[in-house]
Full PDB file with SEQRES, HELIX, SHEET, SSBOND, CRYST1, ORIGX, SCALE, CONECT and MASTER records, all heavy atoms in Angstrom:
SEQRES   1 A   43  VAL THR VAL TRP THR PRO ALA ALA PRO ASP GLU PRO LEU          
SEQRES   2 A   43  PRO LEU LEU VAL ALA HIS ASP GLY PRO GLU TYR ASP ARG          
SEQRES   3 A   43  LEU ALA GLY LEU THR GLY PHE LEU ALA ALA LEU VAL ALA          
SEQRES   4 A   43  ALA GLY ARG LEU                                              
HELIX    1 AA1 GLY A   21  ALA A   28  1                                   8    
HELIX    2 AA2 LEU A   30  ALA A   39  1                                  10    
CRYST1    1.000    1.000    1.000  90.00  90.00  90.00 P 1           1          
ORIGX1      1.000000  0.000000  0.000000        0.00000                         
ORIGX2      0.000000  1.000000  0.000000        0.00000                         
ORIGX3      0.000000  0.000000  1.000000        0.00000                         
SCALE1      1.000000  0.000000  0.000000        0.00000                         
SCALE2      0.000000  1.000000  0.000000        0.00000                         
SCALE3      0.000000  0.000000  1.000000        0.00000                         
ATOM      1  N   VAL A   1       2.175   7.923 -11.543  1.00  0.00           N  
ATOM      2  CA  VAL A   1       2.392   6.674 -10.805  1.00  0.00           C  
ATOM      3  C   VAL A   1       3.143   6.986  -9.506  1.00  0.00           C  
ATOM      4  O   VAL A   1       4.285   7.447  -9.534  1.00  0.00           O  
ATOM      5  CB  VAL A   1       3.196   5.649 -11.616  1.00  0.00           C  
ATOM      6  CG1 VAL A   1       3.390   4.366 -10.795  1.00  0.00           C  
ATOM      7  CG2 VAL A   1       2.517   5.342 -12.944  1.00  0.00           C  
ATOM      8  N   THR A   2       2.489   6.737  -8.379  1.00  0.00           N  
ATOM      9  CA  THR A   2       3.092   6.872  -7.057  1.00  0.00           C  
ATOM     10  C   THR A   2       3.033   5.520  -6.368  1.00  0.00           C  
ATOM     11  O   THR A   2       2.022   4.820  -6.454  1.00  0.00           O  
ATOM     12  CB  THR A   2       2.348   7.927  -6.215  1.00  0.00           C  
ATOM     13  OG1 THR A   2       2.393   9.187  -6.879  1.00  0.00           O  
ATOM     14  CG2 THR A   2       2.971   8.068  -4.826  1.00  0.00           C  
ATOM     15  N   VAL A   3       4.107   5.146  -5.689  1.00  0.00           N  
ATOM     16  CA  VAL A   3       4.159   3.862  -5.003  1.00  0.00           C  
ATOM     17  C   VAL A   3       4.303   4.085  -3.507  1.00  0.00           C  
ATOM     18  O   VAL A   3       5.177   4.845  -3.064  1.00  0.00           O  
ATOM     19  CB  VAL A   3       5.314   2.992  -5.531  1.00  0.00           C  
ATOM     20  CG1 VAL A   3       5.480   1.728  -4.673  1.00  0.00           C  
ATOM     21  CG2 VAL A   3       5.066   2.608  -6.983  1.00  0.00           C  
ATOM     22  N   TRP A   4       3.434   3.416  -2.745  1.00  0.00           N  
ATOM     23  CA  TRP A   4       3.602   3.378  -1.292  1.00  0.00           C  
ATOM     24  C   TRP A   4       4.380   2.111  -0.965  1.00  0.00           C  
ATOM     25  O   TRP A   4       4.032   1.008  -1.435  1.00  0.00           O  
ATOM     26  CB  TRP A   4       2.250   3.344  -0.594  1.00  0.00           C  
ATOM     27  CG  TRP A   4       2.374   3.213   0.914  1.00  0.00           C  
ATOM     28  CD1 TRP A   4       2.559   4.225   1.809  1.00  0.00           C  
ATOM     29  CD2 TRP A   4       2.336   1.999   1.677  1.00  0.00           C  
ATOM     30  NE1 TRP A   4       2.645   3.709   3.096  1.00  0.00           N  
ATOM     31  CE2 TRP A   4       2.513   2.350   3.035  1.00  0.00           C  
ATOM     32  CE3 TRP A   4       2.184   0.660   1.340  1.00  0.00           C  
ATOM     33  CZ2 TRP A   4       2.530   1.405   4.055  1.00  0.00           C  
ATOM     34  CZ3 TRP A   4       2.211  -0.297   2.349  1.00  0.00           C  
ATOM     35  CH2 TRP A   4       2.376   0.073   3.693  1.00  0.00           C  
ATOM     36  N   THR A   5       5.427   2.255  -0.171  1.00  0.00           N  
ATOM     37  CA  THR A   5       6.270   1.105   0.153  1.00  0.00           C  
ATOM     38  C   THR A   5       6.744   1.186   1.596  1.00  0.00           C  
ATOM     39  O   THR A   5       7.127   2.268   2.062  1.00  0.00           O  
ATOM     40  CB  THR A   5       7.480   1.006  -0.795  1.00  0.00           C  
ATOM     41  OG1 THR A   5       8.310  -0.097  -0.392  1.00  0.00           O  
ATOM     42  CG2 THR A   5       8.301   2.283  -0.811  1.00  0.00           C  
ATOM     43  N   PRO A   6       6.742   0.065   2.324  1.00  0.00           N  
ATOM     44  CA  PRO A   6       7.282   0.042   3.680  1.00  0.00           C  
ATOM     45  C   PRO A   6       8.739  -0.403   3.718  1.00  0.00           C  
ATOM     46  O   PRO A   6       9.274  -0.651   4.803  1.00  0.00           O  
ATOM     47  CB  PRO A   6       6.393  -1.006   4.366  1.00  0.00           C  
ATOM     48  CG  PRO A   6       6.113  -1.986   3.273  1.00  0.00           C  
ATOM     49  CD  PRO A   6       6.055  -1.194   1.976  1.00  0.00           C  
ATOM     50  N   ALA A   7       9.376  -0.521   2.550  1.00  0.00           N  
ATOM     51  CA  ALA A   7      10.735  -1.066   2.495  1.00  0.00           C  
ATOM     52  C   ALA A   7      11.522  -0.405   1.387  1.00  0.00           C  
ATOM     53  O   ALA A   7      10.966   0.291   0.527  1.00  0.00           O  
ATOM     54  CB  ALA A   7      10.677  -2.584   2.260  1.00  0.00           C  
ATOM     55  N   ALA A   8      12.818  -0.623   1.374  1.00  0.00           N  
ATOM     56  CA  ALA A   8      13.681  -0.121   0.308  1.00  0.00           C  
ATOM     57  C   ALA A   8      13.295  -0.786  -1.015  1.00  0.00           C  
ATOM     58  O   ALA A   8      12.794  -1.920  -1.029  1.00  0.00           O  
ATOM     59  CB  ALA A   8      15.136  -0.406   0.629  1.00  0.00           C  
ATOM     60  N   PRO A   9      13.511  -0.102  -2.155  1.00  0.00           N  
ATOM     61  CA  PRO A   9      13.102  -0.652  -3.447  1.00  0.00           C  
ATOM     62  C   PRO A   9      13.696  -2.012  -3.772  1.00  0.00           C  
ATOM     63  O   PRO A   9      13.099  -2.781  -4.529  1.00  0.00           O  
ATOM     64  CB  PRO A   9      13.576   0.414  -4.440  1.00  0.00           C  
ATOM     65  CG  PRO A   9      13.564   1.683  -3.673  1.00  0.00           C  
ATOM     66  CD  PRO A   9      14.002   1.285  -2.287  1.00  0.00           C  
ATOM     67  N   ASP A  10      14.864  -2.348  -3.200  1.00  0.00           N  
ATOM     68  CA  ASP A  10      15.493  -3.615  -3.561  1.00  0.00           C  
ATOM     69  C   ASP A  10      15.015  -4.798  -2.714  1.00  0.00           C  
ATOM     70  O   ASP A  10      15.453  -5.927  -2.923  1.00  0.00           O  
ATOM     71  CB  ASP A  10      17.020  -3.502  -3.489  1.00  0.00           C  
ATOM     72  CG  ASP A  10      17.521  -3.127  -2.103  1.00  0.00           C  
ATOM     73  OD1 ASP A  10      16.686  -2.833  -1.213  1.00  0.00           O  
ATOM     74  OD2 ASP A  10      18.745  -3.118  -1.905  1.00  0.00           O  
ATOM     75  N   GLU A  11      14.114  -4.555  -1.773  1.00  0.00           N  
ATOM     76  CA  GLU A  11      13.548  -5.672  -1.004  1.00  0.00           C  
ATOM     77  C   GLU A  11      12.364  -6.251  -1.766  1.00  0.00           C  
ATOM     78  O   GLU A  11      11.391  -5.544  -2.035  1.00  0.00           O  
ATOM     79  CB  GLU A  11      13.092  -5.214   0.381  1.00  0.00           C  
ATOM     80  CG  GLU A  11      12.496  -6.365   1.199  1.00  0.00           C  
ATOM     81  CD  GLU A  11      12.036  -5.930   2.580  1.00  0.00           C  
ATOM     82  OE1 GLU A  11      12.548  -4.919   3.098  1.00  0.00           O  
ATOM     83  OE2 GLU A  11      11.152  -6.614   3.146  1.00  0.00           O  
ATOM     84  N   PRO A  12      12.391  -7.523  -2.122  1.00  0.00           N  
ATOM     85  CA  PRO A  12      11.292  -8.112  -2.895  1.00  0.00           C  
ATOM     86  C   PRO A  12      10.001  -8.169  -2.073  1.00  0.00           C  
ATOM     87  O   PRO A  12       9.974  -8.732  -0.977  1.00  0.00           O  
ATOM     88  CB  PRO A  12      11.794  -9.520  -3.220  1.00  0.00           C  
ATOM     89  CG  PRO A  12      13.274  -9.467  -3.025  1.00  0.00           C  
ATOM     90  CD  PRO A  12      13.498  -8.473  -1.929  1.00  0.00           C  
ATOM     91  N   LEU A  13       8.950  -7.558  -2.609  1.00  0.00           N  
ATOM     92  CA  LEU A  13       7.646  -7.547  -1.945  1.00  0.00           C  
ATOM     93  C   LEU A  13       6.541  -7.759  -2.976  1.00  0.00           C  
ATOM     94  O   LEU A  13       6.692  -7.407  -4.154  1.00  0.00           O  
ATOM     95  CB  LEU A  13       7.401  -6.215  -1.227  1.00  0.00           C  
ATOM     96  CG  LEU A  13       8.294  -5.839  -0.053  1.00  0.00           C  
ATOM     97  CD1 LEU A  13       7.873  -4.491   0.499  1.00  0.00           C  
ATOM     98  CD2 LEU A  13       8.251  -6.904   1.027  1.00  0.00           C  
ATOM     99  N   PRO A  14       5.393  -8.302  -2.563  1.00  0.00           N  
ATOM    100  CA  PRO A  14       4.242  -8.382  -3.467  1.00  0.00           C  
ATOM    101  C   PRO A  14       3.748  -6.981  -3.831  1.00  0.00           C  
ATOM    102  O   PRO A  14       3.983  -6.013  -3.093  1.00  0.00           O  
ATOM    103  CB  PRO A  14       3.198  -9.141  -2.649  1.00  0.00           C  
ATOM    104  CG  PRO A  14       3.920  -9.732  -1.496  1.00  0.00           C  
ATOM    105  CD  PRO A  14       5.115  -8.880  -1.246  1.00  0.00           C  
ATOM    106  N   LEU A  15       3.047  -6.907  -4.967  1.00  0.00           N  
ATOM    107  CA  LEU A  15       2.614  -5.612  -5.499  1.00  0.00           C  
ATOM    108  C   LEU A  15       1.124  -5.613  -5.805  1.00  0.00           C  
ATOM    109  O   LEU A  15       0.608  -6.531  -6.456  1.00  0.00           O  
ATOM    110  CB  LEU A  15       3.393  -5.285  -6.779  1.00  0.00           C  
ATOM    111  CG  LEU A  15       3.024  -3.982  -7.505  1.00  0.00           C  
ATOM    112  CD1 LEU A  15       3.351  -2.759  -6.644  1.00  0.00           C  
ATOM    113  CD2 LEU A  15       3.758  -3.903  -8.851  1.00  0.00           C  
ATOM    114  N   LEU A  16       0.454  -4.571  -5.338  1.00  0.00           N  
ATOM    115  CA  LEU A  16      -0.941  -4.272  -5.671  1.00  0.00           C  
ATOM    116  C   LEU A  16      -0.948  -3.031  -6.546  1.00  0.00           C  
ATOM    117  O   LEU A  16      -0.237  -2.069  -6.258  1.00  0.00           O  
ATOM    118  CB  LEU A  16      -1.736  -4.032  -4.382  1.00  0.00           C  
ATOM    119  CG  LEU A  16      -3.184  -3.539  -4.503  1.00  0.00           C  
ATOM    120  CD1 LEU A  16      -4.072  -4.592  -5.153  1.00  0.00           C  
ATOM    121  CD2 LEU A  16      -3.721  -3.159  -3.114  1.00  0.00           C  
ATOM    122  N   VAL A  17      -1.725  -3.043  -7.620  1.00  0.00           N  
ATOM    123  CA  VAL A  17      -1.813  -1.905  -8.540  1.00  0.00           C  
ATOM    124  C   VAL A  17      -3.251  -1.404  -8.544  1.00  0.00           C  
ATOM    125  O   VAL A  17      -4.181  -2.181  -8.802  1.00  0.00           O  
ATOM    126  CB  VAL A  17      -1.386  -2.303  -9.959  1.00  0.00           C  
ATOM    127  CG1 VAL A  17      -1.585  -1.136 -10.933  1.00  0.00           C  
ATOM    128  CG2 VAL A  17       0.071  -2.748  -9.969  1.00  0.00           C  
ATOM    129  N   ALA A  18      -3.462  -0.106  -8.256  1.00  0.00           N  
ATOM    130  CA  ALA A  18      -4.801   0.448  -8.097  1.00  0.00           C  
ATOM    131  C   ALA A  18      -5.073   1.552  -9.105  1.00  0.00           C  
ATOM    132  O   ALA A  18      -4.381   2.568  -9.130  1.00  0.00           O  
ATOM    133  CB  ALA A  18      -4.985   0.990  -6.687  1.00  0.00           C  
ATOM    134  N   HIS A  19      -6.088   1.340  -9.949  1.00  0.00           N  
ATOM    135  CA  HIS A  19      -6.618   2.436 -10.752  1.00  0.00           C  
ATOM    136  C   HIS A  19      -7.246   3.482  -9.820  1.00  0.00           C  
ATOM    137  O   HIS A  19      -7.769   3.141  -8.749  1.00  0.00           O  
ATOM    138  CB  HIS A  19      -7.697   1.919 -11.708  1.00  0.00           C  
ATOM    139  CG  HIS A  19      -7.149   1.392 -12.984  1.00  0.00           C  
ATOM    140  ND1 HIS A  19      -7.748   0.391 -13.704  1.00  0.00           N  
ATOM    141  CD2 HIS A  19      -6.048   1.722 -13.710  1.00  0.00           C  
ATOM    142  CE1 HIS A  19      -7.057   0.130 -14.796  1.00  0.00           C  
ATOM    143  NE2 HIS A  19      -6.013   0.928 -14.815  1.00  0.00           N  
ATOM    144  N   ASP A  20      -7.224   4.744 -10.227  1.00  0.00           N  
ATOM    145  CA  ASP A  20      -7.701   5.842  -9.371  1.00  0.00           C  
ATOM    146  C   ASP A  20      -6.999   5.795  -8.017  1.00  0.00           C  
ATOM    147  O   ASP A  20      -7.578   6.131  -6.982  1.00  0.00           O  
ATOM    148  CB  ASP A  20      -9.223   5.773  -9.166  1.00  0.00           C  
ATOM    149  CG  ASP A  20     -10.003   6.043 -10.438  1.00  0.00           C  
ATOM    150  OD1 ASP A  20      -9.722   7.049 -11.116  1.00  0.00           O  
ATOM    151  OD2 ASP A  20     -10.889   5.236 -10.778  1.00  0.00           O  
ATOM    152  N   GLY A  21      -5.727   5.401  -8.017  1.00  0.00           N  
ATOM    153  CA  GLY A  21      -5.011   5.175  -6.779  1.00  0.00           C  
ATOM    154  C   GLY A  21      -4.950   6.357  -5.830  1.00  0.00           C  
ATOM    155  O   GLY A  21      -5.182   6.187  -4.622  1.00  0.00           O  
ATOM    156  N   PRO A  22      -4.634   7.568  -6.311  1.00  0.00           N  
ATOM    157  CA  PRO A  22      -4.591   8.699  -5.372  1.00  0.00           C  
ATOM    158  C   PRO A  22      -5.928   8.944  -4.681  1.00  0.00           C  
ATOM    159  O   PRO A  22      -5.959   9.252  -3.485  1.00  0.00           O  
ATOM    160  CB  PRO A  22      -4.193   9.872  -6.278  1.00  0.00           C  
ATOM    161  CG  PRO A  22      -3.404   9.238  -7.376  1.00  0.00           C  
ATOM    162  CD  PRO A  22      -4.097   7.928  -7.640  1.00  0.00           C  
ATOM    163  N   GLU A  23      -7.049   8.796  -5.407  1.00  0.00           N  
ATOM    164  CA  GLU A  23      -8.353   8.970  -4.775  1.00  0.00           C  
ATOM    165  C   GLU A  23      -8.660   7.802  -3.844  1.00  0.00           C  
ATOM    166  O   GLU A  23      -9.237   7.989  -2.767  1.00  0.00           O  
ATOM    167  CB  GLU A  23      -9.437   9.133  -5.834  1.00  0.00           C  
ATOM    168  CG  GLU A  23      -9.403  10.490  -6.519  1.00  0.00           C  
ATOM    169  CD  GLU A  23     -10.595  10.721  -7.415  1.00  0.00           C  
ATOM    170  OE1 GLU A  23     -11.241   9.727  -7.826  1.00  0.00           O  
ATOM    171  OE2 GLU A  23     -10.894  11.895  -7.713  1.00  0.00           O  
ATOM    172  N   TYR A  24      -8.312   6.597  -4.245  1.00  0.00           N  
ATOM    173  CA  TYR A  24      -8.479   5.446  -3.354  1.00  0.00           C  
ATOM    174  C   TYR A  24      -7.745   5.687  -2.034  1.00  0.00           C  
ATOM    175  O   TYR A  24      -8.230   5.308  -0.958  1.00  0.00           O  
ATOM    176  CB  TYR A  24      -7.902   4.189  -4.014  1.00  0.00           C  
ATOM    177  CG  TYR A  24      -8.902   3.136  -4.404  1.00  0.00           C  
ATOM    178  CD1 TYR A  24      -8.839   2.535  -5.664  1.00  0.00           C  
ATOM    179  CD2 TYR A  24      -9.889   2.697  -3.526  1.00  0.00           C  
ATOM    180  CE1 TYR A  24      -9.741   1.538  -6.040  1.00  0.00           C  
ATOM    181  CE2 TYR A  24     -10.787   1.702  -3.886  1.00  0.00           C  
ATOM    182  CZ  TYR A  24     -10.710   1.126  -5.141  1.00  0.00           C  
ATOM    183  OH  TYR A  24     -11.594   0.141  -5.488  1.00  0.00           O  
ATOM    184  N   ASP A  25      -6.577   6.290  -2.115  1.00  0.00           N  
ATOM    185  CA  ASP A  25      -5.797   6.535  -0.905  1.00  0.00           C  
ATOM    186  C   ASP A  25      -6.386   7.688  -0.096  1.00  0.00           C  
ATOM    187  O   ASP A  25      -6.573   7.575   1.118  1.00  0.00           O  
ATOM    188  CB  ASP A  25      -4.347   6.833  -1.288  1.00  0.00           C  
ATOM    189  CG  ASP A  25      -3.394   6.682  -0.116  1.00  0.00           C  
ATOM    190  OD1 ASP A  25      -3.714   5.928   0.822  1.00  0.00           O  
ATOM    191  OD2 ASP A  25      -2.325   7.319  -0.139  1.00  0.00           O  
ATOM    192  N   ARG A  26      -6.709   8.777  -0.765  1.00  0.00           N  
ATOM    193  CA  ARG A  26      -7.197   9.970  -0.055  1.00  0.00           C  
ATOM    194  C   ARG A  26      -8.598   9.777   0.507  1.00  0.00           C  
ATOM    195  O   ARG A  26      -8.899  10.220   1.618  1.00  0.00           O  
ATOM    196  CB  ARG A  26      -7.179  11.164  -1.024  1.00  0.00           C  
ATOM    197  CG  ARG A  26      -7.709  12.466  -0.429  1.00  0.00           C  
ATOM    198  CD  ARG A  26      -7.445  13.628  -1.369  1.00  0.00           C  
ATOM    199  NE  ARG A  26      -8.076  13.460  -2.663  1.00  0.00           N  
ATOM    200  CZ  ARG A  26      -9.320  13.861  -2.964  1.00  0.00           C  
ATOM    201  NH1 ARG A  26     -10.073  14.443  -2.033  1.00  0.00           N  
ATOM    202  NH2 ARG A  26      -9.815  13.699  -4.183  1.00  0.00           N  
ATOM    203  N   LEU A  27      -9.470   9.100  -0.239  1.00  0.00           N  
ATOM    204  CA  LEU A  27     -10.878   9.013   0.140  1.00  0.00           C  
ATOM    205  C   LEU A  27     -11.248   7.686   0.790  1.00  0.00           C  
ATOM    206  O   LEU A  27     -12.285   7.591   1.451  1.00  0.00           O  
ATOM    207  CB  LEU A  27     -11.763   9.239  -1.095  1.00  0.00           C  
ATOM    208  CG  LEU A  27     -11.544  10.569  -1.829  1.00  0.00           C  
ATOM    209  CD1 LEU A  27     -12.390  10.633  -3.082  1.00  0.00           C  
ATOM    210  CD2 LEU A  27     -11.856  11.742  -0.917  1.00  0.00           C  
ATOM    211  N   ALA A  28     -10.443   6.648   0.577  1.00  0.00           N  
ATOM    212  CA  ALA A  28     -10.753   5.341   1.160  1.00  0.00           C  
ATOM    213  C   ALA A  28      -9.630   4.812   2.038  1.00  0.00           C  
ATOM    214  O   ALA A  28      -9.760   3.714   2.600  1.00  0.00           O  
ATOM    215  CB  ALA A  28     -11.071   4.333   0.049  1.00  0.00           C  
ATOM    216  N   GLY A  29      -8.526   5.549   2.152  1.00  0.00           N  
ATOM    217  CA  GLY A  29      -7.455   5.146   3.063  1.00  0.00           C  
ATOM    218  C   GLY A  29      -6.766   3.857   2.676  1.00  0.00           C  
ATOM    219  O   GLY A  29      -6.382   3.061   3.541  1.00  0.00           O  
ATOM    220  N   LEU A  30      -6.536   3.637   1.376  1.00  0.00           N  
ATOM    221  CA  LEU A  30      -5.994   2.356   0.925  1.00  0.00           C  
ATOM    222  C   LEU A  30      -4.644   2.032   1.553  1.00  0.00           C  
ATOM    223  O   LEU A  30      -4.429   0.913   2.030  1.00  0.00           O  
ATOM    224  CB  LEU A  30      -5.890   2.344  -0.605  1.00  0.00           C  
ATOM    225  CG  LEU A  30      -5.299   1.082  -1.229  1.00  0.00           C  
ATOM    226  CD1 LEU A  30      -6.102  -0.154  -0.833  1.00  0.00           C  
ATOM    227  CD2 LEU A  30      -5.227   1.226  -2.751  1.00  0.00           C  
ATOM    228  N   THR A  31      -3.715   2.985   1.549  1.00  0.00           N  
ATOM    229  CA  THR A  31      -2.403   2.668   2.115  1.00  0.00           C  
ATOM    230  C   THR A  31      -2.486   2.476   3.628  1.00  0.00           C  
ATOM    231  O   THR A  31      -1.754   1.668   4.202  1.00  0.00           O  
ATOM    232  CB  THR A  31      -1.359   3.747   1.779  1.00  0.00           C  
ATOM    233  OG1 THR A  31      -1.760   5.003   2.339  1.00  0.00           O  
ATOM    234  CG2 THR A  31      -1.203   3.898   0.275  1.00  0.00           C  
ATOM    235  N   GLY A  32      -3.396   3.189   4.283  1.00  0.00           N  
ATOM    236  CA  GLY A  32      -3.592   2.979   5.713  1.00  0.00           C  
ATOM    237  C   GLY A  32      -4.121   1.581   6.006  1.00  0.00           C  
ATOM    238  O   GLY A  32      -3.736   0.953   7.003  1.00  0.00           O  
ATOM    239  N   PHE A  33      -5.006   1.096   5.153  1.00  0.00           N  
ATOM    240  CA  PHE A  33      -5.514  -0.269   5.296  1.00  0.00           C  
ATOM    241  C   PHE A  33      -4.374  -1.282   5.196  1.00  0.00           C  
ATOM    242  O   PHE A  33      -4.246  -2.183   6.041  1.00  0.00           O  
ATOM    243  CB  PHE A  33      -6.560  -0.534   4.217  1.00  0.00           C  
ATOM    244  CG  PHE A  33      -6.889  -1.983   4.012  1.00  0.00           C  
ATOM    245  CD1 PHE A  33      -7.683  -2.660   4.921  1.00  0.00           C  
ATOM    246  CD2 PHE A  33      -6.414  -2.667   2.901  1.00  0.00           C  
ATOM    247  CE1 PHE A  33      -7.991  -4.009   4.742  1.00  0.00           C  
ATOM    248  CE2 PHE A  33      -6.710  -4.002   2.711  1.00  0.00           C  
ATOM    249  CZ  PHE A  33      -7.501  -4.688   3.637  1.00  0.00           C  
ATOM    250  N   LEU A  34      -3.545  -1.146   4.174  1.00  0.00           N  
ATOM    251  CA  LEU A  34      -2.429  -2.077   4.021  1.00  0.00           C  
ATOM    252  C   LEU A  34      -1.462  -1.981   5.199  1.00  0.00           C  
ATOM    253  O   LEU A  34      -1.013  -2.998   5.733  1.00  0.00           O  
ATOM    254  CB  LEU A  34      -1.694  -1.794   2.711  1.00  0.00           C  
ATOM    255  CG  LEU A  34      -2.506  -2.002   1.429  1.00  0.00           C  
ATOM    256  CD1 LEU A  34      -1.717  -1.526   0.229  1.00  0.00           C  
ATOM    257  CD2 LEU A  34      -2.918  -3.457   1.256  1.00  0.00           C  
ATOM    258  N   ALA A  35      -1.155  -0.750   5.622  1.00  0.00           N  
ATOM    259  CA  ALA A  35      -0.221  -0.561   6.731  1.00  0.00           C  
ATOM    260  C   ALA A  35      -0.755  -1.178   8.020  1.00  0.00           C  
ATOM    261  O   ALA A  35      -0.002  -1.759   8.806  1.00  0.00           O  
ATOM    262  CB  ALA A  35       0.059   0.921   6.934  1.00  0.00           C  
ATOM    263  N   ALA A  36      -2.067  -1.073   8.248  1.00  0.00           N  
ATOM    264  CA  ALA A  36      -2.653  -1.628   9.465  1.00  0.00           C  
ATOM    265  C   ALA A  36      -2.666  -3.148   9.438  1.00  0.00           C  
ATOM    266  O   ALA A  36      -2.356  -3.803  10.447  1.00  0.00           O  
ATOM    267  CB  ALA A  36      -4.070  -1.091   9.648  1.00  0.00           C  
ATOM    268  N   LEU A  37      -3.002  -3.732   8.290  1.00  0.00           N  
ATOM    269  CA  LEU A  37      -3.072  -5.191   8.242  1.00  0.00           C  
ATOM    270  C   LEU A  37      -1.683  -5.829   8.218  1.00  0.00           C  
ATOM    271  O   LEU A  37      -1.497  -6.934   8.733  1.00  0.00           O  
ATOM    272  CB  LEU A  37      -3.917  -5.655   7.055  1.00  0.00           C  
ATOM    273  CG  LEU A  37      -5.405  -5.860   7.430  1.00  0.00           C  
ATOM    274  CD1 LEU A  37      -6.075  -4.542   7.781  1.00  0.00           C  
ATOM    275  CD2 LEU A  37      -6.166  -6.587   6.351  1.00  0.00           C  
ATOM    276  N   VAL A  38      -0.712  -5.122   7.650  1.00  0.00           N  
ATOM    277  CA  VAL A  38       0.669  -5.619   7.736  1.00  0.00           C  
ATOM    278  C   VAL A  38       1.129  -5.581   9.193  1.00  0.00           C  
ATOM    279  O   VAL A  38       1.730  -6.537   9.696  1.00  0.00           O  
ATOM    280  CB  VAL A  38       1.606  -4.796   6.836  1.00  0.00           C  
ATOM    281  CG1 VAL A  38       3.067  -5.130   7.126  1.00  0.00           C  
ATOM    282  CG2 VAL A  38       1.288  -5.051   5.361  1.00  0.00           C  
ATOM    283  N   ALA A  39       0.837  -4.497   9.899  1.00  0.00           N  
ATOM    284  CA  ALA A  39       1.230  -4.379  11.301  1.00  0.00           C  
ATOM    285  C   ALA A  39       0.586  -5.466  12.155  1.00  0.00           C  
ATOM    286  O   ALA A  39       1.192  -5.961  13.118  1.00  0.00           O  
ATOM    287  CB  ALA A  39       0.860  -3.001  11.843  1.00  0.00           C  
ATOM    288  N   ALA A  40      -0.645  -5.852  11.801  1.00  0.00           N  
ATOM    289  CA  ALA A  40      -1.361  -6.880  12.564  1.00  0.00           C  
ATOM    290  C   ALA A  40      -0.956  -8.298  12.168  1.00  0.00           C  
ATOM    291  O   ALA A  40      -1.435  -9.266  12.759  1.00  0.00           O  
ATOM    292  CB  ALA A  40      -2.856  -6.702  12.384  1.00  0.00           C  
ATOM    293  N   GLY A  41      -0.084  -8.425  11.160  1.00  0.00           N  
ATOM    294  CA  GLY A  41       0.318  -9.743  10.695  1.00  0.00           C  
ATOM    295  C   GLY A  41      -0.716 -10.431   9.834  1.00  0.00           C  
ATOM    296  O   GLY A  41      -0.600 -11.627   9.550  1.00  0.00           O  
ATOM    297  N   ARG A  42      -1.709  -9.683   9.359  1.00  0.00           N  
ATOM    298  CA  ARG A  42      -2.763 -10.276   8.539  1.00  0.00           C  
ATOM    299  C   ARG A  42      -2.447 -10.225   7.052  1.00  0.00           C  
ATOM    300  O   ARG A  42      -3.102 -10.891   6.255  1.00  0.00           O  
ATOM    301  CB  ARG A  42      -4.101  -9.578   8.813  1.00  0.00           C  
ATOM    302  CG  ARG A  42      -4.621  -9.779  10.232  1.00  0.00           C  
ATOM    303  CD  ARG A  42      -5.952  -9.098  10.429  1.00  0.00           C  
ATOM    304  NE  ARG A  42      -6.918  -9.541   9.428  1.00  0.00           N  
ATOM    305  CZ  ARG A  42      -8.042  -8.865   9.145  1.00  0.00           C  
ATOM    306  NH1 ARG A  42      -8.313  -7.730   9.779  1.00  0.00           N  
ATOM    307  NH2 ARG A  42      -8.867  -9.321   8.231  1.00  0.00           N  
ATOM    308  N   LEU A  43      -1.468  -9.421   6.678  1.00  0.00           N  
ATOM    309  CA  LEU A  43      -0.976  -9.380   5.303  1.00  0.00           C  
ATOM    310  C   LEU A  43       0.543  -9.376   5.327  1.00  0.00           C  
ATOM    311  O   LEU A  43       1.149  -8.834   6.261  1.00  0.00           O  
ATOM    312  CB  LEU A  43      -1.463  -8.118   4.572  1.00  0.00           C  
ATOM    313  CG  LEU A  43      -2.904  -8.069   4.087  1.00  0.00           C  
ATOM    314  CD1 LEU A  43      -3.192  -6.715   3.437  1.00  0.00           C  
ATOM    315  CD2 LEU A  43      -3.215  -9.199   3.116  1.00  0.00           C  
TER     316      LEU A  43                                                      
MASTER        0    0    0    2    0    0    0    6  315    1    0    4          
END                                                                             
């Protein structure tokens, strides 16, 4: 279990849980997608 987070653990944030998460991240750029949409104010 690895968690990508843009904040300290004590900051309350919504949570997404992904099966095959490391491959989703490496091959589909999942954390990059979240980081980009958060930066754009879309998430």
